[in-house]
């Protein structure tokens, strides 16, 4: 994850805190917590699909779709949760469920 300067992080936080659509298309948002605005984000141990904020503990899904390679971000309303596997559904329709 790239390190953001304070001003850029605050600007992104302010925008996406109110308008979450498209957050999956902003690579910089992998390093910004939408709860507290912190840029102290780390991968969650034992879960390659999840990131966690070191400041407030907020955890969120963000990973590349295994089918189309687009970014899936659980904070984006387009990437809803799958009721079967628990991962997020990509805009291409893929999730973590095995193919039929």
PDB file of N, CA and C in Angstrom:
ATOM      1  N   UNK A   1       0.839  -1.181   0.000  1.00  0.00           N
ATOM      2  CA  UNK A   1       0.000   0.000   0.000  1.00  0.00           C
ATOM      3  C   UNK A   1       0.876   1.235   0.000  1.00  0.00           C
ATOM      4  N   UNK A   2       0.448   2.211  -0.767  1.00  0.00           N
ATOM      5  CA  UNK A   2       1.230   3.433  -0.823  1.00  0.00           C
ATOM      6  C   UNK A   2       0.919   4.331   0.370  1.00  0.00           C
ATOM      7  N   UNK A   3       1.928   5.081   0.804  1.00  0.00           N
ATOM      8  CA  UNK A   3       1.760   6.005   1.915  1.00  0.00           C
ATOM      9  C   UNK A   3       1.235   7.331   1.372  1.00  0.00           C
ATOM     10  N   UNK A   4       0.204   7.858   2.015  1.00  0.00           N
ATOM     11  CA  UNK A   4      -0.388   9.111   1.590  1.00  0.00           C
ATOM     12  C   UNK A   4       0.025  10.241   2.525  1.00  0.00           C
ATOM     13  N   UNK A   5       0.165  11.445   1.967  1.00  0.00           N
ATOM     14  CA  UNK A   5       0.416  12.584   2.836  1.00  0.00           C
ATOM     15  C   UNK A   5      -0.896  12.934   3.536  1.00  0.00           C
ATOM     16  N   UNK A   6      -0.791  13.646   4.628  1.00  0.00           N
ATOM     17  CA  UNK A   6      -1.937  13.950   5.490  1.00  0.00           C
ATOM     18  C   UNK A   6      -3.060  14.677   4.727  1.00  0.00           C
ATOM     19  N   UNK A   7      -2.694  15.647   3.901  1.00  0.00           N
ATOM     20  CA  UNK A   7      -3.687  16.434   3.166  1.00  0.00           C
ATOM     21  C   UNK A   7      -4.462  15.577   2.164  1.00  0.00           C
ATOM     22  N   UNK A   8      -3.757  14.728   1.436  1.00  0.00           N
ATOM     23  CA  UNK A   8      -4.408  13.843   0.465  1.00  0.00           C
ATOM     24  C   UNK A   8      -5.332  12.860   1.175  1.00  0.00           C
ATOM     25  N   UNK A   9      -4.850  12.277   2.271  1.00  0.00           N
ATOM     26  CA  UNK A   9      -5.660  11.323   3.037  1.00  0.00           C
ATOM     27  C   UNK A   9      -6.929  11.986   3.562  1.00  0.00           C
ATOM     28  N   UNK A  10      -6.816  13.200   4.071  1.00  0.00           N
ATOM     29  CA  UNK A  10      -7.990  13.904   4.595  1.00  0.00           C
ATOM     30  C   UNK A  10      -8.985  14.208   3.486  1.00  0.00           C
ATOM     31  N   UNK A  11      -8.487  14.628   2.336  1.00  0.00           N
ATOM     32  CA  UNK A  11      -9.358  14.931   1.202  1.00  0.00           C
ATOM     33  C   UNK A  11     -10.115  13.680   0.751  1.00  0.00           C
ATOM     34  N   UNK A  12      -9.417  12.557   0.634  1.00  0.00           N
ATOM     35  CA  UNK A  12     -10.058  11.298   0.247  1.00  0.00           C
ATOM     36  C   UNK A  12     -11.067  10.851   1.299  1.00  0.00           C
ATOM     37  N   UNK A  13     -10.696  10.962   2.570  1.00  0.00           N
ATOM     38  CA  UNK A  13     -11.592  10.597   3.672  1.00  0.00           C
ATOM     39  C   UNK A  13     -12.876  11.428   3.597  1.00  0.00           C
ATOM     40  N   UNK A  14     -12.735  12.739   3.466  1.00  0.00           N
ATOM     41  CA  UNK A  14     -13.892  13.638   3.419  1.00  0.00           C
ATOM     42  C   UNK A  14     -14.829  13.281   2.261  1.00  0.00           C
ATOM     43  N   UNK A  15     -14.254  12.999   1.104  1.00  0.00           N
ATOM     44  CA  UNK A  15     -15.082  12.663  -0.061  1.00  0.00           C
ATOM     45  C   UNK A  15     -15.775  11.313   0.102  1.00  0.00           C
ATOM     46  N   UNK A  16     -14.993  10.259   0.368  1.00  0.00           N
ATOM     47  CA  UNK A  16     -15.553   8.911   0.387  1.00  0.00           C
ATOM     48  C   UNK A  16     -16.329   8.590   1.660  1.00  0.00           C
ATOM     49  N   UNK A  17     -16.175   9.360   2.681  1.00  0.00           N
ATOM     50  CA  UNK A  17     -16.993   9.165   3.889  1.00  0.00           C
ATOM     51  C   UNK A  17     -18.458   9.468   3.557  1.00  0.00           C
ATOM     52  N   UNK A  18     -18.667  10.423   2.668  1.00  0.00           N
ATOM     53  CA  UNK A  18     -20.031  10.812   2.266  1.00  0.00           C
ATOM     54  C   UNK A  18     -20.502  10.094   1.004  1.00  0.00           C
ATOM     55  N   UNK A  19     -19.589   9.772   0.113  1.00  0.00           N
ATOM     56  CA  UNK A  19     -19.936   9.197  -1.190  1.00  0.00           C
ATOM     57  C   UNK A  19     -19.087   7.952  -1.443  1.00  0.00           C
ATOM     58  N   UNK A  20     -19.559   6.809  -1.012  1.00  0.00           N
ATOM     59  CA  UNK A  20     -18.747   5.590  -1.093  1.00  0.00           C
ATOM     60  C   UNK A  20     -18.724   4.940  -2.469  1.00  0.00           C
ATOM     61  N   UNK A  21     -19.622   5.351  -3.343  1.00  0.00           N
ATOM     62  CA  UNK A  21     -19.619   4.791  -4.696  1.00  0.00           C
ATOM     63  C   UNK A  21     -18.269   5.037  -5.358  1.00  0.00           C
ATOM     64  N   UNK A  22     -17.706   3.995  -5.925  1.00  0.00           N
ATOM     65  CA  UNK A  22     -16.449   4.120  -6.651  1.00  0.00           C
ATOM     66  C   UNK A  22     -15.194   3.979  -5.810  1.00  0.00           C
ATOM     67  N   UNK A  23     -15.345   3.746  -4.514  1.00  0.00           N
ATOM     68  CA  UNK A  23     -14.158   3.624  -3.645  1.00  0.00           C
ATOM     69  C   UNK A  23     -13.258   2.482  -4.107  1.00  0.00           C
ATOM     70  N   UNK A  24     -13.850   1.455  -4.710  1.00  0.00           N
ATOM     71  CA  UNK A  24     -13.072   0.302  -5.175  1.00  0.00           C
ATOM     72  C   UNK A  24     -12.127   0.681  -6.313  1.00  0.00           C
ATOM     73  N   UNK A  25     -12.417   1.778  -7.005  1.00  0.00           N
ATOM     74  CA  UNK A  25     -11.602   2.192  -8.146  1.00  0.00           C
ATOM     75  C   UNK A  25     -10.486   3.154  -7.756  1.00  0.00           C
ATOM     76  N   UNK A  26     -10.348   3.455  -6.469  1.00  0.00           N
ATOM     77  CA  UNK A  26      -9.312   4.372  -5.980  1.00  0.00           C
ATOM     78  C   UNK A  26      -8.288   3.564  -5.187  1.00  0.00           C
ATOM     79  N   UNK A  27      -7.156   3.204  -5.781  1.00  0.00           N
ATOM     80  CA  UNK A  27      -6.165   2.378  -5.072  1.00  0.00           C
ATOM     81  C   UNK A  27      -5.683   3.001  -3.762  1.00  0.00           C
ATOM     82  N   UNK A  28      -5.638   4.325  -3.709  1.00  0.00           N
ATOM     83  CA  UNK A  28      -5.168   4.999  -2.494  1.00  0.00           C
ATOM     84  C   UNK A  28      -6.066   4.718  -1.292  1.00  0.00           C
ATOM     85  N   UNK A  29      -7.332   4.390  -1.542  1.00  0.00           N
ATOM     86  CA  UNK A  29      -8.272   4.177  -0.448  1.00  0.00           C
ATOM     87  C   UNK A  29      -8.010   2.890   0.320  1.00  0.00           C
ATOM     88  N   UNK A  30      -7.127   2.047  -0.182  1.00  0.00           N
ATOM     89  CA  UNK A  30      -6.738   0.861   0.579  1.00  0.00           C
ATOM     90  C   UNK A  30      -6.026   1.258   1.861  1.00  0.00           C
ATOM     91  N   UNK A  31      -5.484   2.469   1.903  1.00  0.00           N
ATOM     92  CA  UNK A  31      -4.722   2.894   3.079  1.00  0.00           C
ATOM     93  C   UNK A  31      -5.418   3.997   3.874  1.00  0.00           C
ATOM     94  N   UNK A  32      -6.748   4.154   3.711  1.00  0.00           N
ATOM     95  CA  UNK A  32      -7.495   5.157   4.476  1.00  0.00           C
ATOM     96  C   UNK A  32      -8.688   4.487   5.157  1.00  0.00           C
ATOM     97  N   UNK A  33      -8.777   4.663   6.477  1.00  0.00           N
ATOM     98  CA  UNK A  33      -9.914   4.150   7.235  1.00  0.00           C
ATOM     99  C   UNK A  33     -11.080   5.125   7.102  1.00  0.00           C
ATOM    100  N   UNK A  34     -12.260   4.613   6.767  1.00  0.00           N
ATOM    101  CA  UNK A  34     -13.428   5.479   6.639  1.00  0.00           C
ATOM    102  C   UNK A  34     -14.130   5.732   7.960  1.00  0.00           C
ATOM    103  N   UNK A  35     -13.649   5.155   9.038  1.00  0.00           N
ATOM    104  CA  UNK A  35     -14.229   5.413  10.347  1.00  0.00           C
ATOM    105  C   UNK A  35     -13.493   6.561  11.032  1.00  0.00           C
ATOM    106  N   UNK A  36     -12.157   6.455  11.115  1.00  0.00           N
ATOM    107  CA  UNK A  36     -11.397   7.468  11.858  1.00  0.00           C
ATOM    108  C   UNK A  36     -10.475   8.321  10.988  1.00  0.00           C
ATOM    109  N   UNK A  37     -10.330   7.981   9.701  1.00  0.00           N
ATOM    110  CA  UNK A  37      -9.480   8.761   8.807  1.00  0.00           C
ATOM    111  C   UNK A  37      -8.006   8.396   8.872  1.00  0.00           C
ATOM    112  N   UNK A  38      -7.654   7.420   9.666  1.00  0.00           N
ATOM    113  CA  UNK A  38      -6.259   6.998   9.830  1.00  0.00           C
ATOM    114  C   UNK A  38      -5.700   6.401   8.537  1.00  0.00           C
ATOM    115  N   UNK A  39      -4.397   6.516   8.372  1.00  0.00           N
ATOM    116  CA  UNK A  39      -3.714   5.852   7.260  1.00  0.00           C
ATOM    117  C   UNK A  39      -2.875   4.683   7.766  1.00  0.00           C
ATOM    118  N   UNK A  40      -3.136   4.263   8.980  1.00  0.00           N
ATOM    119  CA  UNK A  40      -2.411   3.134   9.578  1.00  0.00           C
ATOM    120  C   UNK A  40      -3.228   1.862   9.360  1.00  0.00           C
ATOM    121  N   UNK A  41      -3.151   1.346   8.140  1.00  0.00           N
ATOM    122  CA  UNK A  41      -3.926   0.178   7.724  1.00  0.00           C
ATOM    123  C   UNK A  41      -2.966  -0.978   7.444  1.00  0.00           C
ATOM    124  N   UNK A  42      -3.294  -2.145   7.981  1.00  0.00           N
ATOM    125  CA  UNK A  42      -2.470  -3.338   7.779  1.00  0.00           C
ATOM    126  C   UNK A  42      -3.335  -4.505   7.325  1.00  0.00           C
ATOM    127  N   UNK A  43      -2.733  -5.475   6.635  1.00  0.00           N
ATOM    128  CA  UNK A  43      -3.474  -6.704   6.325  1.00  0.00           C
ATOM    129  C   UNK A  43      -3.846  -7.410   7.633  1.00  0.00           C
ATOM    130  N   UNK A  44      -5.017  -8.003   7.678  1.00  0.00           N
ATOM    131  CA  UNK A  44      -5.446  -8.734   8.865  1.00  0.00           C
ATOM    132  C   UNK A  44      -4.772 -10.099   8.860  1.00  0.00           C
ATOM    133  N   UNK A  45      -4.151 -10.417   9.956  1.00  0.00           N
ATOM    134  CA  UNK A  45      -3.446 -11.692  10.065  1.00  0.00           C
ATOM    135  C   UNK A  45      -4.425 -12.857   9.890  1.00  0.00           C
ATOM    136  N   UNK A  46      -4.071 -13.761   8.998  1.00  0.00           N
ATOM    137  CA  UNK A  46      -4.886 -14.948   8.763  1.00  0.00           C
ATOM    138  C   UNK A  46      -6.008 -14.765   7.756  1.00  0.00           C
ATOM    139  N   UNK A  47      -6.197 -13.550   7.244  1.00  0.00           N
ATOM    140  CA  UNK A  47      -7.252 -13.312   6.254  1.00  0.00           C
ATOM    141  C   UNK A  47      -6.716 -12.426   5.136  1.00  0.00           C
ATOM    142  N   UNK A  48      -6.340 -13.014   4.006  1.00  0.00           N
ATOM    143  CA  UNK A  48      -5.721 -12.240   2.922  1.00  0.00           C
ATOM    144  C   UNK A  48      -6.672 -11.261   2.231  1.00  0.00           C
ATOM    145  N   UNK A  49      -7.967 -11.365   2.505  1.00  0.00           N
ATOM    146  CA  UNK A  49      -8.942 -10.485   1.865  1.00  0.00           C
ATOM    147  C   UNK A  49      -9.269  -9.246   2.695  1.00  0.00           C
ATOM    148  N   UNK A  50      -8.801  -9.197   3.930  1.00  0.00           N
ATOM    149  CA  UNK A  50      -9.236  -8.147   4.837  1.00  0.00           C
ATOM    150  C   UNK A  50      -8.083  -7.262   5.297  1.00  0.00           C
ATOM    151  N   UNK A  51      -8.394  -5.976   5.464  1.00  0.00           N
ATOM    152  CA  UNK A  51      -7.460  -4.994   6.014  1.00  0.00           C
ATOM    153  C   UNK A  51      -8.047  -4.481   7.321  1.00  0.00           C
ATOM    154  N   UNK A  52      -7.187  -4.018   8.218  1.00  0.00           N
ATOM    155  CA  UNK A  52      -7.656  -3.526   9.514  1.00  0.00           C
ATOM    156  C   UNK A  52      -6.921  -2.245   9.894  1.00  0.00           C
ATOM    157  N   UNK A  53      -7.657  -1.311  10.482  1.00  0.00           N
ATOM    158  CA  UNK A  53      -7.093  -0.038  10.930  1.00  0.00           C
ATOM    159  C   UNK A  53      -6.439  -0.247  12.293  1.00  0.00           C
ATOM    160  N   UNK A  54      -5.182   0.148  12.410  1.00  0.00           N
ATOM    161  CA  UNK A  54      -4.475   0.007  13.688  1.00  0.00           C
ATOM    162  C   UNK A  54      -5.003   0.986  14.734  1.00  0.00           C
ATOM    163  N   UNK A  55      -5.599   2.094  14.313  1.00  0.00           N
ATOM    164  CA  UNK A  55      -6.082   3.090  15.273  1.00  0.00           C
ATOM    165  C   UNK A  55      -7.418   2.710  15.904  1.00  0.00           C
ATOM    166  N   UNK A  56      -8.418   2.365  15.077  1.00  0.00           N
ATOM    167  CA  UNK A  56      -9.762   2.127  15.625  1.00  0.00           C
ATOM    168  C   UNK A  56     -10.209   0.672  15.542  1.00  0.00           C
ATOM    169  N   UNK A  57      -9.459  -0.171  14.831  1.00  0.00           N
ATOM    170  CA  UNK A  57      -9.800  -1.587  14.728  1.00  0.00           C
ATOM    171  C   UNK A  57     -10.807  -1.928  13.640  1.00  0.00           C
ATOM    172  N   UNK A  58     -11.257  -0.929  12.874  1.00  0.00           N
ATOM    173  CA  UNK A  58     -12.208  -1.186  11.789  1.00  0.00           C
ATOM    174  C   UNK A  58     -11.561  -2.105  10.762  1.00  0.00           C
ATOM    175  N   UNK A  59     -12.259  -3.173  10.405  1.00  0.00           N
ATOM    176  CA  UNK A  59     -11.755  -4.127   9.413  1.00  0.00           C
ATOM    177  C   UNK A  59     -12.663  -4.087   8.188  1.00  0.00           C
ATOM    178  N   UNK A  60     -12.059  -4.179   7.019  1.00  0.00           N
ATOM    179  CA  UNK A  60     -12.833  -4.134   5.786  1.00  0.00           C
ATOM    180  C   UNK A  60     -12.196  -5.012   4.727  1.00  0.00           C
ATOM    181  N   UNK A  61     -13.059  -5.518   3.837  1.00  0.00           N
ATOM    182  CA  UNK A  61     -12.593  -6.329   2.719  1.00  0.00           C
ATOM    183  C   UNK A  61     -12.054  -5.427   1.613  1.00  0.00           C
ATOM    184  N   UNK A  62     -10.902  -5.803   1.080  1.00  0.00           N
ATOM    185  CA  UNK A  62     -10.360  -5.155  -0.120  1.00  0.00           C
ATOM    186  C   UNK A  62      -9.365  -6.129  -0.735  1.00  0.00           C
ATOM    187  N   UNK A  63      -9.672  -6.582  -1.940  1.00  0.00           N
ATOM    188  CA  UNK A  63      -8.837  -7.571  -2.615  1.00  0.00           C
ATOM    189  C   UNK A  63      -9.164  -7.568  -4.098  1.00  0.00           C
ATOM    190  N   UNK A  64      -8.365  -8.262  -4.879  1.00  0.00           N
ATOM    191  CA  UNK A  64      -8.614  -8.387  -6.320  1.00  0.00           C
ATOM    192  C   UNK A  64      -9.547  -9.567  -6.568  1.00  0.00           C
ATOM    193  N   UNK A  65     -10.520  -9.341  -7.414  1.00  0.00           N
ATOM    194  CA  UNK A  65     -11.472 -10.391  -7.778  1.00  0.00           C
ATOM    195  C   UNK A  65     -10.702 -11.551  -8.429  1.00  0.00           C
ATOM    196  N   UNK A  66     -10.965 -12.783  -8.006  1.00  0.00           N
ATOM    197  CA  UNK A  66     -10.266 -13.921  -8.605  1.00  0.00           C
ATOM    198  C   UNK A  66     -10.664 -14.167 -10.062  1.00  0.00           C
ATOM    199  N   UNK A  67     -11.812 -13.647 -10.486  1.00  0.00           N
ATOM    200  CA  UNK A  67     -12.267 -13.874 -11.865  1.00  0.00           C
ATOM    201  C   UNK A  67     -11.804 -12.794 -12.828  1.00  0.00           C
ATOM    202  N   UNK A  68     -12.098 -11.518 -12.504  1.00  0.00           N
ATOM    203  CA  UNK A  68     -11.815 -10.443 -13.467  1.00  0.00           C
ATOM    204  C   UNK A  68     -10.639  -9.551 -13.058  1.00  0.00           C
ATOM    205  N   UNK A  69     -10.112  -9.748 -11.857  1.00  0.00           N
ATOM    206  CA  UNK A  69      -8.948  -9.001 -11.332  1.00  0.00           C
ATOM    207  C   UNK A  69      -9.246  -7.547 -10.959  1.00  0.00           C
ATOM    208  N   UNK A  70     -10.529  -7.118 -11.018  1.00  0.00           N
ATOM    209  CA  UNK A  70     -10.899  -5.780 -10.551  1.00  0.00           C
ATOM    210  C   UNK A  70     -10.847  -5.760  -9.031  1.00  0.00           C
ATOM    211  N   UNK A  71     -10.711  -4.577  -8.459  1.00  0.00           N
ATOM    212  CA  UNK A  71     -10.669  -4.446  -7.003  1.00  0.00           C
ATOM    213  C   UNK A  71     -12.073  -4.592  -6.418  1.00  0.00           C
ATOM    214  N   UNK A  72     -12.162  -5.369  -5.354  1.00  0.00           N
ATOM    215  CA  UNK A  72     -13.388  -5.530  -4.588  1.00  0.00           C
ATOM    216  C   UNK A  72     -13.144  -4.837  -3.253  1.00  0.00           C
ATOM    217  N   UNK A  73     -14.055  -3.944  -2.856  1.00  0.00           N
ATOM    218  CA  UNK A  73     -13.921  -3.219  -1.591  1.00  0.00           C
ATOM    219  C   UNK A  73     -15.258  -3.276  -0.867  1.00  0.00           C
ATOM    220  N   UNK A  74     -15.262  -3.861   0.312  1.00  0.00           N
ATOM    221  CA  UNK A  74     -16.487  -4.026   1.084  1.00  0.00           C
ATOM    222  C   UNK A  74     -17.130  -2.724   1.505  1.00  0.00           C
ATOM    223  N   UNK A  75     -16.415  -1.611   1.401  1.00  0.00           N
ATOM    224  CA  UNK A  75     -16.980  -0.311   1.757  1.00  0.00           C
ATOM    225  C   UNK A  75     -17.750   0.303   0.595  1.00  0.00           C
ATOM    226  N   UNK A  76     -17.595  -0.235  -0.603  1.00  0.00           N
ATOM    227  CA  UNK A  76     -18.280   0.270  -1.788  1.00  0.00           C
ATOM    228  C   UNK A  76     -19.638  -0.424  -1.891  1.00  0.00           C
ATOM    229  N   UNK A  77     -20.725   0.349  -2.035  1.00  0.00           N
ATOM    230  CA  UNK A  77     -22.055  -0.267  -2.093  1.00  0.00           C
ATOM    231  C   UNK A  77     -22.238  -1.258  -3.245  1.00  0.00           C
ATOM    232  N   UNK A  78     -21.426  -1.190  -4.283  1.00  0.00           N
ATOM    233  CA  UNK A  78     -21.526  -2.131  -5.400  1.00  0.00           C
ATOM    234  C   UNK A  78     -21.099  -3.526  -4.965  1.00  0.00           C
ATOM    235  N   UNK A  79     -20.164  -3.615  -4.028  1.00  0.00           N
ATOM    236  CA  UNK A  79     -19.622  -4.900  -3.582  1.00  0.00           C
ATOM    237  C   UNK A  79     -20.335  -5.386  -2.317  1.00  0.00           C
ATOM    238  N   UNK A  80     -21.553  -5.879  -2.495  1.00  0.00           N
ATOM    239  CA  UNK A  80     -22.343  -6.382  -1.372  1.00  0.00           C
ATOM    240  C   UNK A  80     -21.811  -7.727  -0.898  1.00  0.00           C
ATOM    241  N   UNK A  81     -22.222  -8.161   0.271  1.00  0.00           N
ATOM    242  CA  UNK A  81     -21.775  -9.431   0.816  1.00  0.00           C
ATOM    243  C   UNK A  81     -22.531 -10.614   0.227  1.00  0.00           C
ATOM    244  N   UNK A  82     -21.812 -11.703  -0.013  1.00  0.00           N
ATOM    245  CA  UNK A  82     -22.430 -12.947  -0.483  1.00  0.00           C
ATOM    246  C   UNK A  82     -23.005 -13.684   0.724  1.00  0.00           C
ATOM    247  N   UNK A  83     -24.237 -14.129   0.616  1.00  0.00           N
ATOM    248  CA  UNK A  83     -24.886 -14.836   1.731  1.00  0.00           C
ATOM    249  C   UNK A  83     -24.349 -16.254   1.913  1.00  0.00           C
ATOM    250  N   UNK A  84     -23.669 -16.773   0.905  1.00  0.00           N
ATOM    251  CA  UNK A  84     -23.150 -18.139   0.978  1.00  0.00           C
ATOM    252  C   UNK A  84     -21.734 -18.195   1.560  1.00  0.00           C
ATOM    253  N   UNK A  85     -20.796 -17.436   0.952  1.00  0.00           N
ATOM    254  CA  UNK A  85     -19.382 -17.551   1.354  1.00  0.00           C
ATOM    255  C   UNK A  85     -18.918 -16.439   2.288  1.00  0.00           C
ATOM    256  N   UNK A  86     -19.660 -15.328   2.352  1.00  0.00           N
ATOM    257  CA  UNK A  86     -19.281 -14.235   3.245  1.00  0.00           C
ATOM    258  C   UNK A  86     -18.369 -13.193   2.621  1.00  0.00           C
ATOM    259  N   UNK A  87     -17.754 -13.510   1.481  1.00  0.00           N
ATOM    260  CA  UNK A  87     -16.920 -12.512   0.816  1.00  0.00           C
ATOM    261  C   UNK A  87     -17.820 -11.532   0.076  1.00  0.00           C
ATOM    262  N   UNK A  88     -17.237 -10.537  -0.529  1.00  0.00           N
ATOM    263  CA  UNK A  88     -17.992  -9.540  -1.268  1.00  0.00           C
ATOM    264  C   UNK A  88     -18.179  -9.988  -2.715  1.00  0.00           C
ATOM    265  N   UNK A  89     -19.278  -9.557  -3.305  1.00  0.00           N
ATOM    266  CA  UNK A  89     -19.584  -9.886  -4.687  1.00  0.00           C
ATOM    267  C   UNK A  89     -19.000  -8.785  -5.572  1.00  0.00           C
ATOM    268  N   UNK A  90     -18.175  -9.184  -6.530  1.00  0.00           N
ATOM    269  CA  UNK A  90     -17.567  -8.252  -7.460  1.00  0.00           C
ATOM    270  C   UNK A  90     -18.617  -7.722  -8.435  1.00  0.00           C
ATOM    271  N   UNK A  91     -18.311  -6.627  -9.088  1.00  0.00           N
ATOM    272  CA  UNK A  91     -19.235  -6.080 -10.094  1.00  0.00           C
ATOM    273  C   UNK A  91     -19.414  -7.050 -11.267  1.00  0.00           C
ATOM    274  N   UNK A  92     -18.493  -8.013 -11.433  1.00  0.00           N
ATOM    275  CA  UNK A  92     -18.637  -9.027 -12.494  1.00  0.00           C
ATOM    276  C   UNK A  92     -19.535 -10.175 -12.040  1.00  0.00           C
ATOM    277  N   UNK A  93     -19.906 -10.195 -10.754  1.00  0.00           N
ATOM    278  CA  UNK A  93     -20.790 -11.230 -10.218  1.00  0.00           C
ATOM    279  C   UNK A  93     -20.086 -12.336  -9.469  1.00  0.00           C
ATOM    280  N   UNK A  94     -18.752 -12.367  -9.496  1.00  0.00           N
ATOM    281  CA  UNK A  94     -17.997 -13.416  -8.808  1.00  0.00           C
ATOM    282  C   UNK A  94     -17.847 -13.096  -7.315  1.00  0.00           C
ATOM    283  N   UNK A  95     -17.734 -14.136  -6.506  1.00  0.00           N
ATOM    284  CA  UNK A  95     -17.453 -13.989  -5.076  1.00  0.00           C
ATOM    285  C   UNK A  95     -16.502 -15.122  -4.697  1.00  0.00           C
ATOM    286  N   UNK A  96     -16.558 -15.608  -3.483  1.00  0.00           N
ATOM    287  CA  UNK A  96     -15.670 -16.677  -3.066  1.00  0.00           C
ATOM    288  C   UNK A  96     -16.262 -18.071  -3.209  1.00  0.00           C
ATOM    289  N   UNK A  97     -17.495 -18.151  -3.696  1.00  0.00           N
ATOM    290  CA  UNK A  97     -18.139 -19.446  -3.865  1.00  0.00           C
ATOM    291  C   UNK A  97     -17.485 -20.231  -4.999  1.00  0.00           C
ATOM    292  N   UNK A  98     -17.415 -21.547  -4.866  1.00  0.00           N
ATOM    293  CA  UNK A  98     -16.863 -22.348  -5.964  1.00  0.00           C
ATOM    294  C   UNK A  98     -17.735 -22.225  -7.212  1.00  0.00           C
ATOM    295  N   UNK A  99     -17.116 -22.231  -8.395  1.00  0.00           N
ATOM    296  CA  UNK A  99     -17.911 -22.174  -9.622  1.00  0.00           C
ATOM    297  C   UNK A  99     -18.815 -23.393  -9.749  1.00  0.00           C
ATOM    298  N   UNK A 100     -19.955 -23.182 -10.353  1.00  0.00           N
ATOM    299  CA  UNK A 100     -20.911 -24.307 -10.554  1.00  0.00           C
ATOM    300  C   UNK A 100     -20.405 -25.300 -11.542  1.00  0.00           C
TER     301      UNK A 100
END
